[in-house]
Amino acid sequence: MSRSAAARLARAGLVTVNGRAQRPSASIQEDDLVEYEAPEPVTIAPQPEAIPLRVLYEDEDLLVIDKAAGMVVHPAPGNWSGTLVHALLGRGGSWPASAGAARPGIVHRLDKGTSGLMLAARSERAHRSLTAQLGSRTLERSYLAIVQGEVRGADGILEGPIARDPRNRVRMAVVEGGRPARTRYAVVERRAGHTLVRCDLETGRTHQVRVHLASLGHPVAGDELYGARRAPSGAGRARPAGDHPAGPARPLLHAWRLSFRHPGSGAEMSFETPPPADFQDFWEALEEAPSSAGRSRGRRR
């Protein structure tokens, strides 16, 4: 449950502490008994909306979409309209219900602030095939990210189990006992105070790229949720979020490349899309760093 949802329950008088209803701001003491009564969930099937999408490929089985930063993928509290799902339904035709009534056709998702390539399934066989490829790691996804600070070495592997941050349930974190996660990264270019990196996912956990890069000490530029993390010992020191005079309004993370096997023909398919203008403008505005030739290659686990 999100913090906002819990606060709504408290404001409605559905949360008690030691048998008495309390406000969301109430202080909790050791041994207090906190109980809540959740109302029955109301499922509202999303309706078609005429929302333009940049579609790179479409056939009877699937679509490849270049999602704009700022678009939410599926309906959720606070975003009951204007999502990618509403836009897909607005294209007409039937959509597989395998992912649930609120997520027809969705195979994987991108965060609201992340731009780039996404797959959507048009048929049940496509949804089964693509989700199986996602699970077997044969559906390949690569991201470009502008991160704070100068990443040492040329490439590396980030491994760390990911779960909800026990100190802040809004965030994810590298947590013992979390779900295994693995990200390969490579430095593309360095500029003043920032590094452009490519990240290849070997697993697909919530916020994986953002969490792993923050754990390296180099959070994604513009990422207010993970940008406050301090660089660990031995890692390059990251600058505070928004250090650039025209600080980015979103995490500068872009789903750049997508490869998979077509669920009908079995043909190998691959798509690439360049980062949008805000990503490119931020990078081009940075001063070029001195030549990094001769830097040692590094690997971090």
Protein backbone atom coordinates (compact mmCIF):
# COMPACT_ATOMS: atom_id res chain seq x y z
CA MET A 1 0.00 0.00 0.00
CA SER A 2 1.29 3.45 -0.86
CA ARG A 3 1.71 6.13 1.81
CA SER A 4 -1.02 8.25 0.20
CA ALA A 5 -3.46 5.32 0.23
CA ALA A 6 -2.69 4.64 3.91
CA ALA A 7 -3.22 8.33 4.73
CA ARG A 8 -6.61 8.28 2.99
CA LEU A 9 -7.68 5.32 5.13
CA ALA A 10 -6.62 7.17 8.28
CA ARG A 11 -8.44 10.34 7.30
CA ALA A 12 -11.56 8.25 6.69
CA GLY A 13 -11.38 6.93 10.27
CA LEU A 14 -10.47 3.39 9.16
CA VAL A 15 -7.15 3.23 11.07
CA THR A 16 -7.07 2.79 14.84
CA VAL A 17 -4.26 2.84 17.39
CA ASN A 18 -5.12 0.87 20.50
CA GLY A 19 -8.75 0.86 19.42
CA ARG A 20 -9.09 4.60 18.76
CA ALA A 21 -9.21 6.23 15.32
CA GLN A 22 -6.13 8.36 14.65
CA ARG A 23 -4.98 10.96 12.13
CA PRO A 24 -2.18 10.12 9.65
CA SER A 25 0.25 12.28 11.67
CA ALA A 26 -0.29 10.39 14.95
CA SER A 27 2.90 9.23 16.69
CA ILE A 28 3.27 5.49 17.18
CA GLN A 29 4.92 4.04 20.28
CA GLU A 30 6.44 0.65 20.92
CA ASP A 31 3.79 -2.03 21.64
CA ASP A 32 0.95 0.06 20.17
CA LEU A 33 -1.62 -1.99 18.28
CA VAL A 34 -2.32 -0.51 14.84
CA GLU A 35 -5.33 -1.89 12.96
CA TYR A 36 -6.98 -0.86 9.72
CA GLU A 37 -10.07 -1.74 7.77
CA ALA A 38 -9.61 -1.61 4.02
CA PRO A 39 -12.71 -0.99 1.89
CA GLU A 40 -13.53 -3.44 -0.86
CA PRO A 41 -11.44 -2.62 -3.95
CA VAL A 42 -13.31 -1.13 -6.86
CA THR A 43 -12.12 -2.29 -10.26
CA ILE A 44 -12.78 0.22 -13.00
CA ALA A 45 -12.07 -1.04 -16.50
CA PRO A 46 -10.12 1.61 -18.43
CA GLN A 47 -11.94 3.19 -21.35
CA PRO A 48 -10.49 4.03 -24.79
CA GLU A 49 -9.04 7.52 -25.12
CA ALA A 50 -7.77 9.27 -28.25
CA ILE A 51 -4.19 9.80 -27.10
CA PRO A 52 -1.45 9.96 -29.75
CA LEU A 53 1.36 7.41 -29.51
CA ARG A 54 4.63 7.11 -31.41
CA VAL A 55 4.35 3.57 -32.79
CA LEU A 56 7.49 2.21 -34.43
CA TYR A 57 6.00 -1.14 -35.46
CA GLU A 58 2.58 -2.78 -35.38
CA ASP A 59 1.04 -6.03 -36.63
CA GLU A 60 -1.73 -8.39 -35.53
CA ASP A 61 0.39 -9.63 -32.61
CA LEU A 62 2.22 -6.68 -31.13
CA LEU A 63 3.18 -3.01 -31.07
CA VAL A 64 6.55 -1.39 -30.41
CA ILE A 65 6.05 2.04 -28.85
CA ASP A 66 8.40 4.92 -28.13
CA LYS A 67 6.84 6.08 -24.85
CA ALA A 68 7.11 9.73 -23.98
CA ALA A 69 8.54 10.74 -20.60
CA GLY A 70 5.71 11.73 -18.28
CA MET A 71 3.22 9.13 -19.52
CA VAL A 72 2.01 6.60 -16.93
CA VAL A 73 1.77 3.04 -18.29
CA HIS A 74 -1.40 1.76 -16.62
CA PRO A 75 -4.22 3.13 -14.41
CA ALA A 76 -3.47 3.49 -10.71
CA PRO A 77 -4.50 5.79 -7.86
CA GLY A 78 -3.92 9.35 -9.02
CA ASN A 79 -3.75 8.29 -12.68
CA TRP A 80 -7.15 6.94 -13.67
CA SER A 81 -7.00 8.40 -17.18
CA GLY A 82 -4.49 9.51 -19.78
CA THR A 83 -2.30 6.40 -19.46
CA LEU A 84 -0.62 4.27 -22.11
CA VAL A 85 -3.32 1.63 -21.58
CA HIS A 86 -6.05 4.18 -22.39
CA ALA A 87 -4.12 5.15 -25.52
CA LEU A 88 -3.76 1.50 -26.61
CA LEU A 89 -7.49 0.89 -26.17
CA GLY A 90 -8.11 4.03 -28.19
CA ARG A 91 -6.47 2.35 -31.18
CA GLY A 92 -9.40 -0.07 -31.36
CA GLY A 93 -9.50 -3.81 -31.82
CA SER A 94 -9.29 -6.51 -29.16
CA TRP A 95 -6.60 -6.74 -26.51
CA PRO A 96 -5.47 -9.74 -24.43
CA ALA A 97 -6.69 -9.79 -20.85
CA SER A 98 -3.86 -12.02 -19.58
CA ALA A 99 -2.28 -9.14 -17.64
CA GLY A 100 -5.58 -8.18 -15.98
CA ALA A 101 -8.45 -5.85 -16.75
CA ALA A 102 -6.44 -2.73 -15.90
CA ARG A 103 -3.39 -3.71 -17.99
CA PRO A 104 -4.60 -5.15 -21.31
CA GLY A 105 -1.68 -5.93 -23.59
CA ILE A 106 1.03 -4.77 -21.17
CA VAL A 107 4.12 -7.01 -21.25
CA HIS A 108 6.52 -4.85 -19.24
CA ARG A 109 6.48 -1.31 -17.96
CA LEU A 110 8.56 1.84 -17.78
CA ASP A 111 8.46 4.38 -14.96
CA LYS A 112 6.46 7.52 -15.61
CA GLY A 113 9.62 9.63 -16.02
CA THR A 114 11.43 7.13 -18.25
CA SER A 115 11.22 7.52 -22.01
CA GLY A 116 11.75 4.95 -24.71
CA LEU A 117 10.83 1.56 -26.10
CA MET A 118 7.99 -0.60 -24.82
CA LEU A 119 6.24 -3.70 -26.12
CA ALA A 120 2.49 -4.26 -26.06
CA ALA A 121 0.80 -7.53 -27.03
CA ARG A 122 -2.16 -7.52 -29.43
CA SER A 123 -3.01 -11.22 -29.04
CA GLU A 124 -3.07 -13.82 -26.28
CA ARG A 125 -0.36 -15.89 -27.99
CA ALA A 126 1.83 -12.80 -28.24
CA HIS A 127 1.35 -11.97 -24.57
CA ARG A 128 2.24 -15.54 -23.53
CA SER A 129 5.31 -15.61 -25.77
CA LEU A 130 6.65 -12.18 -24.85
CA THR A 131 6.15 -12.62 -21.10
CA ALA A 132 7.92 -16.01 -21.39
CA GLN A 133 10.82 -14.33 -23.21
CA LEU A 134 10.91 -11.70 -20.48
CA GLY A 135 11.10 -14.43 -17.83
CA SER A 136 13.81 -16.39 -19.67
CA ARG A 137 15.81 -13.19 -20.29
CA THR A 138 15.77 -13.59 -24.06
CA LEU A 139 13.82 -10.33 -24.41
CA GLU A 140 16.76 -7.92 -24.24
CA ARG A 141 16.48 -4.33 -23.00
CA SER A 142 19.17 -1.66 -23.01
CA TYR A 143 18.98 1.81 -21.45
CA LEU A 144 20.94 5.03 -21.72
CA ALA A 145 21.33 7.07 -18.55
CA ILE A 146 23.04 10.32 -17.63
CA VAL A 147 24.36 9.87 -14.11
CA GLN A 148 25.88 12.25 -11.60
CA GLY A 149 29.64 12.16 -11.11
CA GLU A 150 32.44 10.48 -13.02
CA VAL A 151 32.04 6.71 -13.19
CA ARG A 152 35.39 4.99 -12.79
CA GLY A 153 36.52 2.31 -15.21
CA ALA A 154 34.97 1.41 -18.52
CA ASP A 155 32.34 -1.16 -17.58
CA GLY A 156 31.11 -3.41 -14.85
CA ILE A 157 28.36 -5.58 -13.42
CA LEU A 158 26.02 -4.44 -10.66
CA GLU A 159 24.49 -7.21 -8.59
CA GLY A 160 22.32 -6.70 -5.55
CA PRO A 161 18.92 -8.06 -4.48
CA ILE A 162 16.16 -5.46 -4.73
CA ALA A 163 13.13 -5.02 -2.48
CA ARG A 164 11.16 -2.23 -0.82
CA ASP A 165 13.38 0.06 1.23
CA PRO A 166 12.49 -0.80 4.84
CA ARG A 167 13.05 2.85 5.83
CA ASN A 168 11.01 4.36 2.99
CA ARG A 169 8.35 2.20 1.37
CA VAL A 170 8.08 4.52 -1.62
CA ARG A 171 11.62 3.57 -2.69
CA MET A 172 13.25 0.33 -3.69
CA ALA A 173 16.70 -0.56 -2.37
CA VAL A 174 19.40 -3.21 -2.41
CA VAL A 175 18.16 -5.30 0.51
CA GLU A 176 19.33 -8.65 1.82
CA GLY A 177 16.66 -11.19 0.99
CA GLY A 178 15.30 -9.14 -1.93
CA ARG A 179 14.77 -10.44 -5.44
CA PRO A 180 18.04 -11.13 -7.33
CA ALA A 181 18.93 -8.36 -9.76
CA ARG A 182 21.79 -7.93 -12.20
CA THR A 183 22.69 -4.99 -14.45
CA ARG A 184 25.61 -4.72 -16.86
CA TYR A 185 26.85 -1.20 -17.55
CA ALA A 186 29.39 0.48 -19.81
CA VAL A 187 30.62 4.07 -19.93
CA VAL A 188 29.75 5.76 -23.23
CA GLU A 189 31.19 9.24 -22.55
CA ARG A 190 32.17 11.53 -19.69
CA ARG A 191 31.41 15.23 -19.40
CA ALA A 192 31.80 17.76 -16.61
CA GLY A 193 30.33 16.24 -13.47
CA HIS A 194 28.33 13.60 -15.33
CA THR A 195 28.70 10.30 -17.20
CA LEU A 196 26.64 8.82 -20.01
CA VAL A 197 26.27 5.08 -19.44
CA ARG A 198 24.59 2.20 -21.19
CA CYS A 199 22.82 -0.34 -18.98
CA ASP A 200 21.75 -3.82 -20.10
CA LEU A 201 19.17 -5.57 -17.94
CA GLU A 202 19.70 -9.21 -17.07
CA THR A 203 16.69 -9.09 -14.73
CA GLY A 204 13.72 -6.74 -14.59
CA ARG A 205 13.04 -5.49 -11.07
CA THR A 206 11.15 -2.33 -10.17
CA HIS A 207 13.44 0.73 -10.54
CA GLN A 208 16.37 -1.66 -11.16
CA VAL A 209 18.61 0.65 -13.19
CA ARG A 210 17.95 3.62 -10.89
CA VAL A 211 18.59 1.59 -7.71
CA HIS A 212 21.75 -0.10 -8.99
CA LEU A 213 23.29 3.11 -10.32
CA ALA A 214 22.51 4.87 -7.04
CA SER A 215 24.15 1.99 -5.14
CA LEU A 216 27.27 2.57 -7.28
CA GLY A 217 27.29 6.14 -6.00
CA HIS A 218 26.11 7.63 -9.31
CA PRO A 219 22.35 8.21 -9.27
CA VAL A 220 20.59 9.14 -12.49
CA ALA A 221 20.57 12.90 -13.08
CA GLY A 222 17.22 14.40 -12.14
CA ASP A 223 16.21 11.41 -10.01
CA GLU A 224 14.88 13.01 -6.83
CA LEU A 225 13.86 9.65 -5.33
CA TYR A 226 17.34 8.10 -5.42
CA GLY A 227 19.57 11.12 -5.94
CA ALA A 228 20.28 11.72 -2.25
CA ARG A 229 22.31 8.53 -1.85
CA ARG A 230 25.94 9.08 -0.89
CA ALA A 231 28.74 7.50 -2.87
CA PRO A 232 30.15 4.42 -1.11
CA SER A 233 33.83 4.16 -0.31
CA GLY A 234 35.87 3.74 -3.47
CA ALA A 235 33.19 5.07 -5.81
CA GLY A 236 33.37 8.38 -7.61
CA ARG A 237 31.71 11.17 -5.62
CA ALA A 238 28.31 12.10 -7.04
CA ARG A 239 27.14 15.68 -7.23
CA PRO A 240 23.82 16.64 -5.65
CA ALA A 241 20.70 16.29 -7.77
CA GLY A 242 19.96 19.35 -9.86
CA ASP A 243 23.59 20.54 -9.77
CA HIS A 244 23.38 21.52 -13.44
CA PRO A 245 22.11 25.10 -13.88
CA ALA A 246 19.22 23.79 -15.98
CA GLY A 247 18.50 20.76 -13.79
CA PRO A 248 16.46 18.04 -15.50
CA ALA A 249 12.77 17.81 -14.65
CA ARG A 250 12.83 14.00 -14.69
CA PRO A 251 15.29 11.14 -14.29
CA LEU A 252 17.35 11.14 -17.48
CA LEU A 253 16.82 7.46 -18.23
CA HIS A 254 15.89 6.25 -21.71
CA ALA A 255 14.95 2.74 -22.93
CA TRP A 256 17.16 2.82 -26.00
CA ARG A 257 17.19 -0.69 -27.47
CA LEU A 258 14.77 -3.65 -27.48
CA SER A 259 15.33 -7.12 -28.98
CA PHE A 260 13.01 -10.12 -28.98
CA ARG A 261 11.70 -13.03 -31.04
CA HIS A 262 8.42 -12.44 -32.86
CA PRO A 263 5.73 -14.59 -31.20
CA GLY A 264 4.22 -15.60 -34.55
CA SER A 265 7.02 -15.93 -37.11
CA GLY A 266 9.88 -16.54 -34.67
CA ALA A 267 11.96 -13.90 -36.46
CA GLU A 268 14.51 -11.98 -34.43
CA MET A 269 13.48 -8.32 -34.14
CA SER A 270 15.45 -5.36 -32.82
CA PHE A 271 14.56 -1.70 -32.42
CA GLU A 272 16.45 1.41 -31.34
CA THR A 273 15.26 4.95 -30.67
CA PRO A 274 17.35 8.01 -29.78
CA PRO A 275 16.76 9.86 -26.50
CA PRO A 276 14.28 12.76 -26.61
CA ALA A 277 15.25 16.42 -26.78
CA ASP A 278 15.41 17.09 -23.02
CA PHE A 279 17.91 14.23 -22.58
CA GLN A 280 20.07 15.32 -25.50
CA ASP A 281 19.90 19.03 -24.67
CA PHE A 282 21.05 18.42 -21.09
CA TRP A 283 24.00 16.32 -22.28
CA GLU A 284 25.04 18.75 -25.00
CA ALA A 285 24.98 21.66 -22.53
CA LEU A 286 27.65 20.00 -20.37
CA GLU A 287 31.28 20.86 -20.90
CA GLU A 288 33.33 18.12 -22.48
CA ALA A 289 35.60 16.33 -20.02
CA PRO A 290 39.34 15.87 -20.65
CA SER A 291 40.26 12.79 -22.65
CA SER A 292 39.66 9.64 -20.66
CA ALA A 293 42.01 7.53 -22.78
CA GLY A 294 44.09 5.14 -20.76
CA ARG A 295 41.64 4.84 -17.87
CA SER A 296 41.70 1.46 -16.27
CA ARG A 297 38.79 -0.93 -16.77
CA GLY A 298 36.88 -1.70 -13.63
CA ARG A 299 34.30 -4.15 -12.43
CA ARG A 300 32.01 -3.77 -9.45
CA ARG A 301 29.85 -6.46 -7.91
